[in-house]
């Protein structure tokens, strides 16, 4: 019987040589990328839903929609949901518009 592998060894093998569709999906997850880059994630990087709603000035229903349609990744522990600050910043920067659309809504 061989010695059991540590979870970090298994994750590195999956990321380096994914075999199944499931392993390919796992290898593309942001948490997997952070693990492979050896980034340390501190608890200060995570905020709860109340802070997200307050910061973005959105309702609980809007936050639920962002979770449901996959726009905003989250982590759940029991009934409490947490979000990474980097994910929120990424969504804001991805949807940043630098110019004003002229004649928007004009019915000509």
PDB file of N, CA and C in Angstrom:
ATOM      1  N   UNK A   1       0.836  -1.172   0.000  1.00  0.00           N
ATOM      2  CA  UNK A   1       0.000   0.000   0.000  1.00  0.00           C
ATOM      3  C   UNK A   1       0.884   1.240   0.000  1.00  0.00           C
ATOM      4  N   UNK A   2       0.610   2.167  -0.889  1.00  0.00           N
ATOM      5  CA  UNK A   2       1.421   3.376  -0.966  1.00  0.00           C
ATOM      6  C   UNK A   2       0.921   4.416   0.033  1.00  0.00           C
ATOM      7  N   UNK A   3       1.813   5.360   0.312  1.00  0.00           N
ATOM      8  CA  UNK A   3       1.444   6.426   1.231  1.00  0.00           C
ATOM      9  C   UNK A   3       0.390   7.324   0.588  1.00  0.00           C
ATOM     10  N   UNK A   4      -0.584   7.778   1.372  1.00  0.00           N
ATOM     11  CA  UNK A   4      -1.601   8.671   0.806  1.00  0.00           C
ATOM     12  C   UNK A   4      -0.979  10.013   0.431  1.00  0.00           C
ATOM     13  N   UNK A   5      -1.495  10.592  -0.633  1.00  0.00           N
ATOM     14  CA  UNK A   5      -0.994  11.887  -1.097  1.00  0.00           C
ATOM     15  C   UNK A   5      -1.646  13.014  -0.321  1.00  0.00           C
ATOM     16  N   UNK A   6      -0.898  14.068  -0.154  1.00  0.00           N
ATOM     17  CA  UNK A   6      -1.425  15.285   0.459  1.00  0.00           C
ATOM     18  C   UNK A   6      -2.306  15.984  -0.563  1.00  0.00           C
ATOM     19  N   UNK A   7      -3.309  16.693  -0.097  1.00  0.00           N
ATOM     20  CA  UNK A   7      -4.259  17.346  -0.996  1.00  0.00           C
ATOM     21  C   UNK A   7      -3.567  18.334  -1.943  1.00  0.00           C
ATOM     22  N   UNK A   8      -2.515  18.990  -1.484  1.00  0.00           N
ATOM     23  CA  UNK A   8      -1.809  19.935  -2.356  1.00  0.00           C
ATOM     24  C   UNK A   8      -1.151  19.215  -3.530  1.00  0.00           C
ATOM     25  N   UNK A   9      -0.655  18.000  -3.304  1.00  0.00           N
ATOM     26  CA  UNK A   9      -0.064  17.214  -4.396  1.00  0.00           C
ATOM     27  C   UNK A   9      -1.129  16.830  -5.417  1.00  0.00           C
ATOM     28  N   UNK A  10      -2.277  16.431  -4.932  1.00  0.00           N
ATOM     29  CA  UNK A  10      -3.373  16.037  -5.819  1.00  0.00           C
ATOM     30  C   UNK A  10      -3.831  17.217  -6.657  1.00  0.00           C
ATOM     31  N   UNK A  11      -3.989  18.393  -6.019  1.00  0.00           N
ATOM     32  CA  UNK A  11      -4.434  19.586  -6.743  1.00  0.00           C
ATOM     33  C   UNK A  11      -3.424  20.011  -7.800  1.00  0.00           C
ATOM     34  N   UNK A  12      -2.146  19.927  -7.477  1.00  0.00           N
ATOM     35  CA  UNK A  12      -1.127  20.289  -8.473  1.00  0.00           C
ATOM     36  C   UNK A  12      -1.157  19.341  -9.665  1.00  0.00           C
ATOM     37  N   UNK A  13      -1.348  18.056  -9.414  1.00  0.00           N
ATOM     38  CA  UNK A  13      -1.433  17.082 -10.507  1.00  0.00           C
ATOM     39  C   UNK A  13      -2.642  17.362 -11.398  1.00  0.00           C
ATOM     40  N   UNK A  14      -3.768  17.677 -10.790  1.00  0.00           N
ATOM     41  CA  UNK A  14      -4.975  17.988 -11.563  1.00  0.00           C
ATOM     42  C   UNK A  14      -4.744  19.223 -12.420  1.00  0.00           C
ATOM     43  N   UNK A  15      -4.129  20.249 -11.834  1.00  0.00           N
ATOM     44  CA  UNK A  15      -3.908  21.499 -12.567  1.00  0.00           C
ATOM     45  C   UNK A  15      -2.912  21.320 -13.701  1.00  0.00           C
ATOM     46  N   UNK A  16      -1.889  20.507 -13.495  1.00  0.00           N
ATOM     47  CA  UNK A  16      -0.849  20.340 -14.502  1.00  0.00           C
ATOM     48  C   UNK A  16      -1.254  19.391 -15.621  1.00  0.00           C
ATOM     49  N   UNK A  17      -2.099  18.414 -15.307  1.00  0.00           N
ATOM     50  CA  UNK A  17      -2.479  17.434 -16.320  1.00  0.00           C
ATOM     51  C   UNK A  17      -3.924  16.975 -16.105  1.00  0.00           C
ATOM     52  N   UNK A  18      -4.898  17.861 -16.388  1.00  0.00           N
ATOM     53  CA  UNK A  18      -6.299  17.463 -16.187  1.00  0.00           C
ATOM     54  C   UNK A  18      -6.721  16.395 -17.185  1.00  0.00           C
ATOM     55  N   UNK A  19      -7.373  15.360 -16.695  1.00  0.00           N
ATOM     56  CA  UNK A  19      -7.783  14.237 -17.541  1.00  0.00           C
ATOM     57  C   UNK A  19      -9.242  14.356 -17.977  1.00  0.00           C
ATOM     58  N   UNK A  20     -10.137  14.560 -17.040  1.00  0.00           N
ATOM     59  CA  UNK A  20     -11.565  14.586 -17.349  1.00  0.00           C
ATOM     60  C   UNK A  20     -12.050  16.023 -17.502  1.00  0.00           C
ATOM     61  N   UNK A  21     -13.276  16.179 -17.965  1.00  0.00           N
ATOM     62  CA  UNK A  21     -13.880  17.504 -18.068  1.00  0.00           C
ATOM     63  C   UNK A  21     -13.994  18.152 -16.695  1.00  0.00           C
ATOM     64  N   UNK A  22     -14.301  17.339 -15.703  1.00  0.00           N
ATOM     65  CA  UNK A  22     -14.398  17.846 -14.337  1.00  0.00           C
ATOM     66  C   UNK A  22     -13.060  18.410 -13.875  1.00  0.00           C
ATOM     67  N   UNK A  23     -11.983  17.684 -14.117  1.00  0.00           N
ATOM     68  CA  UNK A  23     -10.661  18.156 -13.708  1.00  0.00           C
ATOM     69  C   UNK A  23     -10.268  19.418 -14.471  1.00  0.00           C
ATOM     70  N   UNK A  24     -10.654  19.519 -15.738  1.00  0.00           N
ATOM     71  CA  UNK A  24     -10.378  20.728 -16.510  1.00  0.00           C
ATOM     72  C   UNK A  24     -11.114  21.922 -15.916  1.00  0.00           C
ATOM     73  N   UNK A  25     -12.357  21.704 -15.487  1.00  0.00           N
ATOM     74  CA  UNK A  25     -13.138  22.775 -14.861  1.00  0.00           C
ATOM     75  C   UNK A  25     -12.503  23.188 -13.538  1.00  0.00           C
ATOM     76  N   UNK A  26     -12.105  22.225 -12.747  1.00  0.00           N
ATOM     77  CA  UNK A  26     -11.467  22.504 -11.459  1.00  0.00           C
ATOM     78  C   UNK A  26     -10.176  23.300 -11.667  1.00  0.00           C
ATOM     79  N   UNK A  27      -9.409  22.953 -12.680  1.00  0.00           N
ATOM     80  CA  UNK A  27      -8.127  23.626 -12.931  1.00  0.00           C
ATOM     81  C   UNK A  27      -8.306  25.089 -13.299  1.00  0.00           C
ATOM     82  N   UNK A  28      -9.485  25.465 -13.789  1.00  0.00           N
ATOM     83  CA  UNK A  28      -9.725  26.836 -14.220  1.00  0.00           C
ATOM     84  C   UNK A  28     -10.328  27.719 -13.133  1.00  0.00           C
ATOM     85  N   UNK A  29     -10.657  27.166 -11.991  1.00  0.00           N
ATOM     86  CA  UNK A  29     -11.256  27.948 -10.912  1.00  0.00           C
ATOM     87  C   UNK A  29     -10.274  28.982 -10.373  1.00  0.00           C
ATOM     88  N   UNK A  30     -10.778  30.192 -10.025  1.00  0.00           N
ATOM     89  CA  UNK A  30      -9.880  31.221  -9.479  1.00  0.00           C
ATOM     90  C   UNK A  30      -9.147  30.781  -8.218  1.00  0.00           C
ATOM     91  N   UNK A  31      -9.811  30.013  -7.367  1.00  0.00           N
ATOM     92  CA  UNK A  31      -9.134  29.570  -6.143  1.00  0.00           C
ATOM     93  C   UNK A  31      -7.982  28.631  -6.471  1.00  0.00           C
ATOM     94  N   UNK A  32      -8.134  27.845  -7.529  1.00  0.00           N
ATOM     95  CA  UNK A  32      -7.073  26.936  -7.956  1.00  0.00           C
ATOM     96  C   UNK A  32      -5.898  27.741  -8.511  1.00  0.00           C
ATOM     97  N   UNK A  33      -6.205  28.792  -9.265  1.00  0.00           N
ATOM     98  CA  UNK A  33      -5.142  29.641  -9.798  1.00  0.00           C
ATOM     99  C   UNK A  33      -4.373  30.309  -8.665  1.00  0.00           C
ATOM    100  N   UNK A  34      -5.082  30.783  -7.655  1.00  0.00           N
ATOM    101  CA  UNK A  34      -4.428  31.404  -6.502  1.00  0.00           C
ATOM    102  C   UNK A  34      -3.567  30.386  -5.765  1.00  0.00           C
ATOM    103  N   UNK A  35      -4.059  29.164  -5.654  1.00  0.00           N
ATOM    104  CA  UNK A  35      -3.300  28.099  -4.991  1.00  0.00           C
ATOM    105  C   UNK A  35      -2.008  27.820  -5.743  1.00  0.00           C
ATOM    106  N   UNK A  36      -2.099  27.737  -7.069  1.00  0.00           N
ATOM    107  CA  UNK A  36      -0.918  27.426  -7.873  1.00  0.00           C
ATOM    108  C   UNK A  36       0.101  28.556  -7.859  1.00  0.00           C
ATOM    109  N   UNK A  37      -0.388  29.784  -7.739  1.00  0.00           N
ATOM    110  CA  UNK A  37       0.521  30.932  -7.701  1.00  0.00           C
ATOM    111  C   UNK A  37       1.025  31.190  -6.290  1.00  0.00           C
ATOM    112  N   UNK A  38       0.615  30.334  -5.349  1.00  0.00           N
ATOM    113  CA  UNK A  38       1.006  30.447  -3.941  1.00  0.00           C
ATOM    114  C   UNK A  38       0.664  31.794  -3.343  1.00  0.00           C
ATOM    115  N   UNK A  39      -0.465  32.351  -3.757  1.00  0.00           N
ATOM    116  CA  UNK A  39      -0.919  33.601  -3.173  1.00  0.00           C
ATOM    117  C   UNK A  39      -1.563  33.303  -1.835  1.00  0.00           C
ATOM    118  N   UNK A  40      -1.204  34.089  -0.852  1.00  0.00           N
ATOM    119  CA  UNK A  40      -1.848  33.931   0.437  1.00  0.00           C
ATOM    120  C   UNK A  40      -3.096  34.781   0.444  1.00  0.00           C
ATOM    121  N   UNK A  41      -4.178  34.190   0.861  1.00  0.00           N
ATOM    122  CA  UNK A  41      -5.443  34.903   0.949  1.00  0.00           C
ATOM    123  C   UNK A  41      -5.748  35.080   2.422  1.00  0.00           C
ATOM    124  N   UNK A  42      -5.907  36.322   2.837  1.00  0.00           N
ATOM    125  CA  UNK A  42      -6.201  36.575   4.240  1.00  0.00           C
ATOM    126  C   UNK A  42      -7.703  36.777   4.417  1.00  0.00           C
ATOM    127  N   UNK A  43      -8.128  36.718   5.632  1.00  0.00           N
ATOM    128  CA  UNK A  43      -9.548  36.893   5.917  1.00  0.00           C
ATOM    129  C   UNK A  43     -10.026  38.303   5.594  1.00  0.00           C
ATOM    130  N   UNK A  44      -9.111  39.262   5.567  1.00  0.00           N
ATOM    131  CA  UNK A  44      -9.491  40.630   5.231  1.00  0.00           C
ATOM    132  C   UNK A  44      -9.897  40.749   3.755  1.00  0.00           C
ATOM    133  N   UNK A  45      -9.542  39.747   2.944  1.00  0.00           N
ATOM    134  CA  UNK A  45      -9.904  39.752   1.531  1.00  0.00           C
ATOM    135  C   UNK A  45     -11.362  39.356   1.312  1.00  0.00           C
ATOM    136  N   UNK A  46     -12.045  38.897   2.359  1.00  0.00           N
ATOM    137  CA  UNK A  46     -13.421  38.427   2.253  1.00  0.00           C
ATOM    138  C   UNK A  46     -14.354  39.388   2.978  1.00  0.00           C
ATOM    139  N   UNK A  47     -15.490  39.707   2.349  1.00  0.00           N
ATOM    140  CA  UNK A  47     -16.493  40.564   2.989  1.00  0.00           C
ATOM    141  C   UNK A  47     -17.856  39.884   2.879  1.00  0.00           C
ATOM    142  N   UNK A  48     -18.749  40.247   3.761  1.00  0.00           N
ATOM    143  CA  UNK A  48     -20.067  39.620   3.739  1.00  0.00           C
ATOM    144  C   UNK A  48     -21.024  40.411   2.838  1.00  0.00           C
ATOM    145  N   UNK A  49     -22.200  39.847   2.642  1.00  0.00           N
ATOM    146  CA  UNK A  49     -23.181  40.435   1.731  1.00  0.00           C
ATOM    147  C   UNK A  49     -23.617  41.824   2.131  1.00  0.00           C
ATOM    148  N   UNK A  50     -23.741  42.074   3.432  1.00  0.00           N
ATOM    149  CA  UNK A  50     -24.161  43.395   3.906  1.00  0.00           C
ATOM    150  C   UNK A  50     -23.165  44.465   3.468  1.00  0.00           C
ATOM    151  N   UNK A  51     -21.883  44.162   3.578  1.00  0.00           N
ATOM    152  CA  UNK A  51     -20.855  45.116   3.159  1.00  0.00           C
ATOM    153  C   UNK A  51     -20.884  45.333   1.646  1.00  0.00           C
ATOM    154  N   UNK A  52     -21.122  44.259   0.887  1.00  0.00           N
ATOM    155  CA  UNK A  52     -21.198  44.381  -0.576  1.00  0.00           C
ATOM    156  C   UNK A  52     -22.374  45.271  -0.958  1.00  0.00           C
ATOM    157  N   UNK A  53     -23.542  45.029  -0.358  1.00  0.00           N
ATOM    158  CA  UNK A  53     -24.732  45.836  -0.673  1.00  0.00           C
ATOM    159  C   UNK A  53     -24.515  47.296  -0.315  1.00  0.00           C
ATOM    160  N   UNK A  54     -23.893  47.529   0.825  1.00  0.00           N
ATOM    161  CA  UNK A  54     -23.636  48.905   1.258  1.00  0.00           C
ATOM    162  C   UNK A  54     -22.641  49.597   0.328  1.00  0.00           C
ATOM    163  N   UNK A  55     -21.588  48.905  -0.035  1.00  0.00           N
ATOM    164  CA  UNK A  55     -20.541  49.492  -0.877  1.00  0.00           C
ATOM    165  C   UNK A  55     -21.046  49.782  -2.287  1.00  0.00           C
ATOM    166  N   UNK A  56     -21.789  48.841  -2.867  1.00  0.00           N
ATOM    167  CA  UNK A  56     -22.260  48.995  -4.247  1.00  0.00           C
ATOM    168  C   UNK A  56     -23.621  49.681  -4.349  1.00  0.00           C
ATOM    169  N   UNK A  57     -24.244  49.947  -3.204  1.00  0.00           N
ATOM    170  CA  UNK A  57     -25.580  50.559  -3.169  1.00  0.00           C
ATOM    171  C   UNK A  57     -26.578  49.722  -3.959  1.00  0.00           C
ATOM    172  N   UNK A  58     -26.643  48.429  -3.632  1.00  0.00           N
ATOM    173  CA  UNK A  58     -27.575  47.531  -4.304  1.00  0.00           C
ATOM    174  C   UNK A  58     -28.453  46.847  -3.260  1.00  0.00           C
ATOM    175  N   UNK A  59     -29.573  46.317  -3.711  1.00  0.00           N
ATOM    176  CA  UNK A  59     -30.523  45.646  -2.831  1.00  0.00           C
ATOM    177  C   UNK A  59     -30.122  44.181  -2.634  1.00  0.00           C
ATOM    178  N   UNK A  60     -30.709  43.530  -1.630  1.00  0.00           N
ATOM    179  CA  UNK A  60     -30.434  42.097  -1.446  1.00  0.00           C
ATOM    180  C   UNK A  60     -30.826  41.282  -2.677  1.00  0.00           C
ATOM    181  N   UNK A  61     -31.924  41.667  -3.336  1.00  0.00           N
ATOM    182  CA  UNK A  61     -32.356  40.933  -4.529  1.00  0.00           C
ATOM    183  C   UNK A  61     -31.344  41.072  -5.661  1.00  0.00           C
ATOM    184  N   UNK A  62     -30.765  42.263  -5.849  1.00  0.00           N
ATOM    185  CA  UNK A  62     -29.756  42.464  -6.883  1.00  0.00           C
ATOM    186  C   UNK A  62     -28.520  41.624  -6.586  1.00  0.00           C
ATOM    187  N   UNK A  63     -28.132  41.574  -5.327  1.00  0.00           N
ATOM    188  CA  UNK A  63     -26.981  40.754  -4.943  1.00  0.00           C
ATOM    189  C   UNK A  63     -27.268  39.278  -5.210  1.00  0.00           C
ATOM    190  N   UNK A  64     -28.487  38.845  -4.920  1.00  0.00           N
ATOM    191  CA  UNK A  64     -28.871  37.461  -5.192  1.00  0.00           C
ATOM    192  C   UNK A  64     -28.822  37.172  -6.686  1.00  0.00           C
ATOM    193  N   UNK A  65     -29.259  38.125  -7.509  1.00  0.00           N
ATOM    194  CA  UNK A  65     -29.210  37.953  -8.966  1.00  0.00           C
ATOM    195  C   UNK A  65     -27.773  37.836  -9.447  1.00  0.00           C
ATOM    196  N   UNK A  66     -26.873  38.659  -8.921  1.00  0.00           N
ATOM    197  CA  UNK A  66     -25.466  38.590  -9.303  1.00  0.00           C
ATOM    198  C   UNK A  66     -24.865  37.230  -8.957  1.00  0.00           C
ATOM    199  N   UNK A  67     -25.288  36.657  -7.829  1.00  0.00           N
ATOM    200  CA  UNK A  67     -24.835  35.314  -7.460  1.00  0.00           C
ATOM    201  C   UNK A  67     -25.441  34.269  -8.385  1.00  0.00           C
ATOM    202  N   UNK A  68     -26.742  34.369  -8.612  1.00  0.00           N
ATOM    203  CA  UNK A  68     -27.474  33.345  -9.369  1.00  0.00           C
ATOM    204  C   UNK A  68     -27.016  33.236 -10.814  1.00  0.00           C
ATOM    205  N   UNK A  69     -26.740  34.377 -11.446  1.00  0.00           N
ATOM    206  CA  UNK A  69     -26.335  34.316 -12.858  1.00  0.00           C
ATOM    207  C   UNK A  69     -24.828  34.144 -13.027  1.00  0.00           C
ATOM    208  N   UNK A  70     -24.109  33.981 -11.923  1.00  0.00           N
ATOM    209  CA  UNK A  70     -22.687  33.687 -11.998  1.00  0.00           C
ATOM    210  C   UNK A  70     -21.795  34.901 -12.167  1.00  0.00           C
ATOM    211  N   UNK A  71     -22.365  36.094 -12.071  1.00  0.00           N
ATOM    212  CA  UNK A  71     -21.573  37.310 -12.220  1.00  0.00           C
ATOM    213  C   UNK A  71     -20.627  37.502 -11.041  1.00  0.00           C
ATOM    214  N   UNK A  72     -21.100  37.179  -9.851  1.00  0.00           N
ATOM    215  CA  UNK A  72     -20.308  37.397  -8.643  1.00  0.00           C
ATOM    216  C   UNK A  72     -20.079  36.071  -7.914  1.00  0.00           C
ATOM    217  N   UNK A  73     -18.843  35.572  -7.925  1.00  0.00           N
ATOM    218  CA  UNK A  73     -18.543  34.339  -7.197  1.00  0.00           C
ATOM    219  C   UNK A  73     -18.672  34.551  -5.686  1.00  0.00           C
ATOM    220  N   UNK A  74     -18.947  33.488  -4.973  1.00  0.00           N
ATOM    221  CA  UNK A  74     -19.133  33.596  -3.526  1.00  0.00           C
ATOM    222  C   UNK A  74     -18.739  32.302  -2.833  1.00  0.00           C
ATOM    223  N   UNK A  75     -18.639  32.402  -1.526  1.00  0.00           N
ATOM    224  CA  UNK A  75     -18.381  31.235  -0.698  1.00  0.00           C
ATOM    225  C   UNK A  75     -19.422  31.229   0.412  1.00  0.00           C
ATOM    226  N   UNK A  76     -19.968  30.046   0.704  1.00  0.00           N
ATOM    227  CA  UNK A  76     -21.020  29.953   1.714  1.00  0.00           C
ATOM    228  C   UNK A  76     -20.544  29.062   2.858  1.00  0.00           C
ATOM    229  N   UNK A  77     -20.735  29.565   4.061  1.00  0.00           N
ATOM    230  CA  UNK A  77     -20.487  28.781   5.266  1.00  0.00           C
ATOM    231  C   UNK A  77     -21.779  28.830   6.061  1.00  0.00           C
ATOM    232  N   UNK A  78     -22.473  27.714   6.094  1.00  0.00           N
ATOM    233  CA  UNK A  78     -23.791  27.690   6.729  1.00  0.00           C
ATOM    234  C   UNK A  78     -24.738  28.566   5.926  1.00  0.00           C
ATOM    235  N   UNK A  79     -25.358  29.521   6.586  1.00  0.00           N
ATOM    236  CA  UNK A  79     -26.255  30.455   5.901  1.00  0.00           C
ATOM    237  C   UNK A  79     -25.587  31.783   5.582  1.00  0.00           C
ATOM    238  N   UNK A  80     -24.318  31.899   5.885  1.00  0.00           N
ATOM    239  CA  UNK A  80     -23.593  33.158   5.672  1.00  0.00           C
ATOM    240  C   UNK A  80     -22.825  33.087   4.362  1.00  0.00           C
ATOM    241  N   UNK A  81     -22.935  34.148   3.557  1.00  0.00           N
ATOM    242  CA  UNK A  81     -22.274  34.184   2.248  1.00  0.00           C
ATOM    243  C   UNK A  81     -21.195  35.264   2.275  1.00  0.00           C
ATOM    244  N   UNK A  82     -20.027  34.912   1.731  1.00  0.00           N
ATOM    245  CA  UNK A  82     -18.890  35.823   1.692  1.00  0.00           C
ATOM    246  C   UNK A  82     -18.436  36.019   0.251  1.00  0.00           C
ATOM    247  N   UNK A  83     -17.845  37.184  -0.008  1.00  0.00           N
ATOM    248  CA  UNK A  83     -17.379  37.552  -1.343  1.00  0.00           C
ATOM    249  C   UNK A  83     -15.948  38.041  -1.241  1.00  0.00           C
ATOM    250  N   UNK A  84     -15.155  37.782  -2.279  1.00  0.00           N
ATOM    251  CA  UNK A  84     -13.778  38.291  -2.303  1.00  0.00           C
ATOM    252  C   UNK A  84     -13.772  39.711  -2.842  1.00  0.00           C
ATOM    253  N   UNK A  85     -13.006  40.556  -2.196  1.00  0.00           N
ATOM    254  CA  UNK A  85     -12.898  41.956  -2.642  1.00  0.00           C
ATOM    255  C   UNK A  85     -12.380  42.033  -4.079  1.00  0.00           C
ATOM    256  N   UNK A  86     -11.429  41.156  -4.431  1.00  0.00           N
ATOM    257  CA  UNK A  86     -10.849  41.172  -5.773  1.00  0.00           C
ATOM    258  C   UNK A  86     -11.906  40.876  -6.828  1.00  0.00           C
ATOM    259  N   UNK A  87     -12.854  39.999  -6.529  1.00  0.00           N
ATOM    260  CA  UNK A  87     -13.921  39.679  -7.486  1.00  0.00           C
ATOM    261  C   UNK A  87     -14.825  40.879  -7.732  1.00  0.00           C
ATOM    262  N   UNK A  88     -15.119  41.616  -6.677  1.00  0.00           N
ATOM    263  CA  UNK A  88     -15.964  42.805  -6.821  1.00  0.00           C
ATOM    264  C   UNK A  88     -15.236  43.874  -7.621  1.00  0.00           C
ATOM    265  N   UNK A  89     -13.966  44.072  -7.337  1.00  0.00           N
ATOM    266  CA  UNK A  89     -13.167  45.048  -8.081  1.00  0.00           C
ATOM    267  C   UNK A  89     -13.071  44.644  -9.545  1.00  0.00           C
ATOM    268  N   UNK A  90     -12.915  43.362  -9.820  1.00  0.00           N
ATOM    269  CA  UNK A  90     -12.830  42.880 -11.201  1.00  0.00           C
ATOM    270  C   UNK A  90     -14.132  43.143 -11.952  1.00  0.00           C
ATOM    271  N   UNK A  91     -15.264  42.884 -11.321  1.00  0.00           N
ATOM    272  CA  UNK A  91     -16.552  43.134 -11.967  1.00  0.00           C
ATOM    273  C   UNK A  91     -16.712  44.614 -12.274  1.00  0.00           C
ATOM    274  N   UNK A  92     -16.343  45.459 -11.339  1.00  0.00           N
ATOM    275  CA  UNK A  92     -16.452  46.908 -11.569  1.00  0.00           C
ATOM    276  C   UNK A  92     -15.532  47.358 -12.702  1.00  0.00           C
ATOM    277  N   UNK A  93     -14.317  46.857 -12.741  1.00  0.00           N
ATOM    278  CA  UNK A  93     -13.391  47.283 -13.790  1.00  0.00           C
ATOM    279  C   UNK A  93     -13.764  46.688 -15.149  1.00  0.00           C
ATOM    280  N   UNK A  94     -14.322  45.467 -15.171  1.00  0.00           N
ATOM    281  CA  UNK A  94     -14.747  44.865 -16.436  1.00  0.00           C
ATOM    282  C   UNK A  94     -15.927  45.598 -17.057  1.00  0.00           C
ATOM    283  N   UNK A  95     -16.738  46.236 -16.231  1.00  0.00           N
ATOM    284  CA  UNK A  95     -17.921  46.928 -16.723  1.00  0.00           C
ATOM    285  C   UNK A  95     -17.737  48.438 -16.770  1.00  0.00           C
ATOM    286  N   UNK A  96     -16.511  48.898 -16.670  1.00  0.00           N
ATOM    287  CA  UNK A  96     -16.209  50.317 -16.674  1.00  0.00           C
ATOM    288  C   UNK A  96     -16.397  50.889 -18.089  1.00  0.00           C
ATOM    289  N   UNK A  97     -17.119  51.982 -18.181  1.00  0.00           N
ATOM    290  CA  UNK A  97     -17.343  52.659 -19.460  1.00  0.00           C
ATOM    291  C   UNK A  97     -16.730  54.043 -19.372  1.00  0.00           C
ATOM    292  N   UNK A  98     -15.873  54.371 -20.347  1.00  0.00           N
ATOM    293  CA  UNK A  98     -15.155  55.644 -20.294  1.00  0.00           C
ATOM    294  C   UNK A  98     -15.846  56.767 -21.050  1.00  0.00           C
ATOM    295  N   UNK A  99     -16.832  56.457 -21.830  1.00  0.00           N
ATOM    296  CA  UNK A  99     -17.457  57.502 -22.617  1.00  0.00           C
ATOM    297  C   UNK A  99     -18.963  57.458 -22.452  1.00  0.00           C
ATOM    298  N   UNK A 100     -19.579  58.571 -22.772  1.00  0.00           N
ATOM    299  CA  UNK A 100     -21.020  58.686 -22.681  1.00  0.00           C
ATOM    300  C   UNK A 100     -21.609  58.337 -24.042  1.00  0.00           C
ATOM    301  N   UNK A 101     -22.640  57.554 -24.060  1.00  0.00           N
ATOM    302  CA  UNK A 101     -23.286  57.200 -25.317  1.00  0.00           C
ATOM    303  C   UNK A 101     -24.192  58.361 -25.719  1.00  0.00           C
ATOM    304  N   UNK A 102     -23.928  58.892 -26.882  1.00  0.00           N
ATOM    305  CA  UNK A 102     -24.702  60.045 -27.350  1.00  0.00           C
ATOM    306  C   UNK A 102     -26.062  59.614 -27.857  1.00  0.00           C
ATOM    307  N   UNK A 103     -27.022  60.443 -27.603  1.00  0.00           N
ATOM    308  CA  UNK A 103     -28.380  60.235 -28.091  1.00  0.00           C
ATOM    309  C   UNK A 103     -28.963  58.913 -27.634  1.00  0.00           C
ATOM    310  N   UNK A 104     -28.561  58.436 -26.485  1.00  0.00           N
ATOM    311  CA  UNK A 104     -29.094  57.177 -25.971  1.00  0.00           C
ATOM    312  C   UNK A 104     -30.581  57.365 -25.668  1.00  0.00           C
ATOM    313  N   UNK A 105     -31.388  56.519 -26.211  1.00  0.00           N
ATOM    314  CA  UNK A 105     -32.817  56.544 -25.940  1.00  0.00           C
ATOM    315  C   UNK A 105     -33.604  57.473 -26.835  1.00  0.00           C
ATOM    316  N   UNK A 106     -32.940  58.169 -27.746  1.00  0.00           N
ATOM    317  CA  UNK A 106     -33.674  59.042 -28.669  1.00  0.00           C
ATOM    318  C   UNK A 106     -34.451  58.196 -29.658  1.00  0.00           C
ATOM    319  N   UNK A 107     -35.684  58.506 -29.847  1.00  0.00           N
ATOM    320  CA  UNK A 107     -36.519  57.788 -30.814  1.00  0.00           C
ATOM    321  C   UNK A 107     -36.645  58.626 -32.075  1.00  0.00           C
ATOM    322  N   UNK A 108     -35.721  58.468 -32.973  1.00  0.00           N
ATOM    323  CA  UNK A 108     -35.737  59.259 -34.201  1.00  0.00           C
ATOM    324  C   UNK A 108     -36.249  58.469 -35.350  1.00  0.00           C
TER     325      UNK A 108
END
